[in-house]
N, C-alpha and C. Protein backbone atom coordinates (compact mmCIF):
# COMPACT_ATOMS: atom_id res chain seq x y z
N MET A 1 6.91 -16.89 0.51
CA MET A 1 4.86 -16.33 1.17
C MET A 1 5.11 -15.14 1.44
N PRO A 2 4.50 -13.15 1.12
CA PRO A 2 5.07 -12.64 2.47
C PRO A 2 4.51 -13.01 4.06
N VAL A 3 5.11 -12.38 4.92
CA VAL A 3 5.09 -12.91 5.88
C VAL A 3 3.08 -12.19 6.07
N CYS A 4 1.90 -11.81 5.97
CA CYS A 4 0.69 -11.35 6.14
C CYS A 4 0.24 -12.67 6.50
N PHE A 5 0.84 -13.08 4.62
CA PHE A 5 -0.42 -13.51 3.78
C PHE A 5 -0.46 -15.36 5.00
N ARG A 6 0.47 -14.87 5.20
CA ARG A 6 -0.18 -16.76 6.35
C ARG A 6 -0.30 -16.63 7.56
N SER A 7 -1.34 -15.64 7.86
CA SER A 7 -2.63 -15.61 8.70
C SER A 7 -3.96 -16.27 7.85
N THR A 8 -4.68 -17.33 8.32
CA THR A 8 -5.24 -17.47 7.99
C THR A 8 -7.08 -16.39 7.97
N ARG A 9 -7.43 -15.26 8.55
CA ARG A 9 -7.73 -14.36 8.50
C ARG A 9 -7.66 -14.00 7.56
N VAL A 10 -6.14 -13.42 7.15
CA VAL A 10 -6.28 -12.70 5.45
C VAL A 10 -6.23 -13.23 4.81
N ARG A 11 -6.77 -14.68 4.46
CA ARG A 11 -6.50 -15.56 3.10
C ARG A 11 -8.20 -15.57 3.40
N ILE A 12 -8.51 -15.77 4.51
CA ILE A 12 -10.23 -15.86 4.28
C ILE A 12 -10.50 -14.95 3.49
N GLY A 13 -10.29 -13.59 4.66
CA GLY A 13 -10.72 -11.62 3.66
C GLY A 13 -10.41 -12.31 2.40
N LEU A 14 -8.84 -12.48 2.15
CA LEU A 14 -8.55 -11.95 -0.23
C LEU A 14 -9.44 -13.35 -0.71
N VAL A 15 -10.64 -14.09 0.11
CA VAL A 15 -10.51 -15.05 -0.92
C VAL A 15 -12.83 -14.25 -0.91
N LEU A 16 -12.71 -13.72 0.24
CA LEU A 16 -13.94 -13.63 0.42
C LEU A 16 -13.72 -12.26 -0.38
N LEU A 17 -12.82 -11.03 -0.27
CA LEU A 17 -12.40 -10.71 -1.75
C LEU A 17 -13.02 -10.31 -2.62
N ILE A 18 -11.95 -11.26 -3.30
CA ILE A 18 -12.17 -11.81 -4.87
C ILE A 18 -13.69 -12.52 -4.97
N VAL A 19 -14.26 -13.69 -4.15
CA VAL A 19 -15.49 -13.93 -4.66
C VAL A 19 -16.13 -12.83 -3.73
N GLY A 20 -17.05 -12.41 -4.15
CA GLY A 20 -17.44 -11.35 -3.70
C GLY A 20 -17.82 -10.10 -4.43
N THR A 21 -16.64 -9.78 -4.91
CA THR A 21 -16.77 -8.67 -5.81
C THR A 21 -16.19 -8.86 -7.26
N GLY A 22 -14.88 -9.88 -7.86
CA GLY A 22 -14.80 -10.58 -8.49
C GLY A 22 -15.87 -10.73 -9.76
N PRO A 23 -17.26 -11.52 -9.00
CA PRO A 23 -18.41 -10.94 -10.69
C PRO A 23 -18.67 -10.10 -11.19
N LEU A 24 -18.99 -8.94 -10.29
CA LEU A 24 -19.10 -7.87 -10.40
C LEU A 24 -18.41 -6.92 -10.78
N LEU A 25 -17.35 -7.04 -10.99
CA LEU A 25 -15.96 -6.35 -11.72
C LEU A 25 -15.45 -6.83 -13.05
N ALA A 26 -15.69 -8.35 -13.22
CA ALA A 26 -16.47 -8.86 -14.84
C ALA A 26 -16.83 -8.65 -15.87
N ILE A 27 -18.42 -8.55 -15.47
CA ILE A 27 -19.14 -8.18 -15.91
C ILE A 27 -18.56 -6.33 -16.16
N LEU A 28 -18.52 -5.42 -15.35
CA LEU A 28 -17.95 -4.16 -15.66
C LEU A 28 -16.99 -4.18 -16.33
N ALA A 29 -16.20 -4.98 -16.55
CA ALA A 29 -14.69 -4.92 -17.17
C ALA A 29 -15.30 -5.15 -18.98
N ALA A 30 -15.98 -6.43 -18.94
CA ALA A 30 -16.42 -7.15 -20.22
C ALA A 30 -17.62 -5.74 -20.86
N ALA A 31 -18.64 -5.29 -20.29
CA ALA A 31 -19.41 -4.30 -20.90
C ALA A 31 -17.87 -3.07 -21.40
N GLU A 32 -17.47 -2.75 -20.32
CA GLU A 32 -16.50 -1.26 -21.02
C GLU A 32 -15.61 -2.38 -22.04
N LEU A 33 -15.33 -3.04 -22.33
CA LEU A 33 -14.79 -3.67 -23.70
C LEU A 33 -15.80 -4.28 -24.94
N GLY A 34 -16.87 -3.92 -24.94
CA GLY A 34 -17.81 -3.80 -26.32
C GLY A 34 -18.07 -5.85 -25.32
N LEU A 35 -17.78 -6.21 -25.01
CA LEU A 35 -18.12 -7.92 -24.99
C LEU A 35 -19.07 -8.96 -24.50
N THR A 36 -19.95 -8.04 -24.26
CA THR A 36 -22.25 -7.92 -24.35
C THR A 36 -22.56 -7.11 -25.43
N ASP A 37 -23.85 -7.98 -25.46
CA ASP A 37 -24.93 -6.63 -26.62
C ASP A 37 -24.86 -5.85 -25.56
N ASP A 38 -25.30 -5.35 -24.02
CA ASP A 38 -25.20 -4.35 -23.53
C ASP A 38 -24.60 -3.78 -23.03
N PRO A 39 -24.16 -2.50 -23.25
CA PRO A 39 -22.80 -1.45 -23.43
C PRO A 39 -23.63 -1.04 -21.67
N ASN A 40 -24.43 -1.26 -21.49
CA ASN A 40 -25.09 -0.40 -19.71
C ASN A 40 -26.06 -1.34 -18.84
N PRO A 41 -25.27 -2.56 -18.49
CA PRO A 41 -25.98 -3.73 -17.52
C PRO A 41 -26.28 -2.90 -16.46
N ASN A 42 -27.23 -4.15 -15.25
CA ASN A 42 -27.68 -3.82 -14.65
C ASN A 42 -27.01 -5.23 -13.56
N PRO A 43 -26.28 -5.84 -13.61
CA PRO A 43 -26.11 -6.37 -12.30
C PRO A 43 -26.54 -6.47 -10.66
N VAL A 44 -27.69 -6.69 -10.75
CA VAL A 44 -28.09 -6.51 -9.43
C VAL A 44 -27.47 -8.29 -8.76
N ILE A 45 -27.62 -8.71 -8.73
CA ILE A 45 -27.25 -9.66 -8.43
C ILE A 45 -25.94 -9.66 -7.59
N PHE A 46 -24.60 -9.23 -8.96
CA PHE A 46 -23.95 -9.18 -8.82
C PHE A 46 -23.33 -8.21 -7.73
N GLY A 47 -24.26 -7.35 -7.93
CA GLY A 47 -23.73 -5.58 -6.99
C GLY A 47 -23.92 -6.43 -4.97
N ILE A 48 -25.35 -6.98 -5.22
CA ILE A 48 -25.65 -6.89 -3.32
C ILE A 48 -24.42 -8.32 -3.32
N LEU A 49 -23.78 -8.41 -4.05
CA LEU A 49 -22.90 -9.97 -3.32
C LEU A 49 -21.69 -9.16 -2.79
N ALA A 50 -21.43 -8.13 -4.11
CA ALA A 50 -20.32 -7.15 -3.74
C ALA A 50 -20.73 -6.35 -2.64
N PHE A 51 -22.06 -5.97 -2.85
CA PHE A 51 -21.62 -5.08 -1.40
C PHE A 51 -22.10 -5.80 0.17
N LEU A 52 -22.98 -6.81 0.26
CA LEU A 52 -22.35 -7.89 2.02
C LEU A 52 -21.25 -8.56 1.92
N THR A 53 -20.06 -8.36 0.56
CA THR A 53 -19.23 -8.92 0.88
C THR A 53 -17.58 -8.55 1.28
N PHE A 54 -17.90 -7.04 1.27
CA PHE A 54 -17.35 -6.14 0.75
C PHE A 54 -16.31 -5.75 2.46
N TRP A 55 -17.35 -4.78 2.76
CA TRP A 55 -16.12 -5.22 4.44
C TRP A 55 -16.61 -6.50 5.09
N PRO A 56 -16.63 -6.70 5.44
CA PRO A 56 -16.81 -8.28 6.58
C PRO A 56 -15.34 -9.19 5.82
N SER A 57 -15.02 -9.01 4.76
CA SER A 57 -13.74 -9.20 3.65
C SER A 57 -12.61 -8.17 4.08
N VAL A 58 -12.69 -6.47 4.31
CA VAL A 58 -11.83 -5.96 4.69
C VAL A 58 -11.29 -6.28 6.39
N ALA A 59 -12.36 -6.55 6.68
CA ALA A 59 -13.30 -6.34 8.71
C ALA A 59 -11.63 -7.67 7.83
N LEU A 60 -11.82 -8.69 7.52
CA LEU A 60 -10.79 -9.49 8.09
C LEU A 60 -9.72 -9.87 7.16
N ILE A 61 -9.37 -8.51 6.32
CA ILE A 61 -7.91 -8.90 6.77
C ILE A 61 -6.87 -7.31 7.16
N LEU A 62 -8.08 -6.87 7.36
CA LEU A 62 -7.04 -5.66 8.72
C LEU A 62 -7.25 -6.38 10.17
N SER A 63 -8.24 -7.37 10.47
CA SER A 63 -7.96 -8.07 11.20
C SER A 63 -6.76 -9.17 11.98
N GLY A 64 -6.81 -9.60 10.18
CA GLY A 64 -5.51 -10.75 10.03
C GLY A 64 -3.92 -10.19 10.52
N LEU A 65 -3.99 -9.12 9.73
CA LEU A 65 -2.75 -8.31 9.36
C LEU A 65 -2.52 -7.42 11.06
N ALA A 66 -3.49 -7.16 11.06
CA ALA A 66 -3.53 -6.38 13.32
C ALA A 66 -2.54 -7.67 13.96
N HIS A 67 -3.43 -8.98 14.47
CA HIS A 67 -2.95 -10.37 14.90
C HIS A 67 -1.68 -10.01 14.44
N GLY A 68 -1.04 -10.43 13.02
CA GLY A 68 -0.51 -10.99 12.83
C GLY A 68 1.12 -9.88 13.03
N ARG A 69 0.70 -8.13 13.12
CA ARG A 69 1.77 -7.35 13.38
C ARG A 69 2.08 -7.67 15.04
N LYS A 70 0.97 -8.02 15.92
CA LYS A 70 1.17 -7.96 17.37
C LYS A 70 1.92 -9.61 18.09
N ALA A 71 1.06 -10.67 17.11
CA ALA A 71 2.66 -11.84 17.25
C ALA A 71 4.07 -12.16 17.23
N ARG A 72 3.90 -10.38 16.14
CA ARG A 72 5.23 -10.51 16.02
C ARG A 72 6.06 -9.50 16.51
N GLU A 73 5.61 -8.71 17.28
CA GLU A 73 6.03 -7.89 17.91
C GLU A 73 6.62 -8.62 19.81
N GLY A 74 5.40 -9.59 19.03
CA GLY A 74 5.39 -10.35 20.58
C GLY A 74 6.55 -10.87 21.01
N ARG A 75 7.10 -11.75 19.96
CA ARG A 75 8.50 -12.71 19.45
C ARG A 75 9.73 -11.72 19.97
N THR A 76 9.34 -10.64 19.06
CA THR A 76 10.65 -9.79 18.74
C THR A 76 10.85 -9.49 20.67
N ARG A 77 10.22 -9.06 21.13
CA ARG A 77 10.50 -8.64 22.19
C ARG A 77 11.07 -9.80 23.44
N GLY A 78 10.93 -10.97 23.01
CA GLY A 78 11.27 -11.60 24.42
C GLY A 78 10.94 -12.03 25.77
N PRO A 79 11.01 -13.03 26.32
CA PRO A 79 9.81 -13.43 27.52
C PRO A 79 9.69 -12.76 28.09
N ALA A 80 10.41 -12.04 28.51
CA ALA A 80 9.98 -10.39 29.71
C ALA A 80 9.36 -9.74 28.80
N GLY A 81 9.02 -9.79 27.34
CA GLY A 81 8.14 -8.77 26.83
C GLY A 81 8.80 -7.21 27.49
N ARG A 82 9.89 -7.05 26.86
CA ARG A 82 10.51 -5.58 27.61
C ARG A 82 11.20 -5.64 25.58
């Protein structure tokens, strides 16, 4: 597993991103492929879900990556911080 995925913040952010935007992307992909009766669906609920979860998930992922990077730099500098 890559080092960046060890952070709990990154994992929660990725799950939130997938759960929040996945349904909207699935409906749009199904409509594009012609799997739905309506070629131009209006998934309002899934759009609102994606809107409410996208930026918090991006913030969690970025803060987890920054926290992991800071922790790695602290470990490589040694106890004196040099």
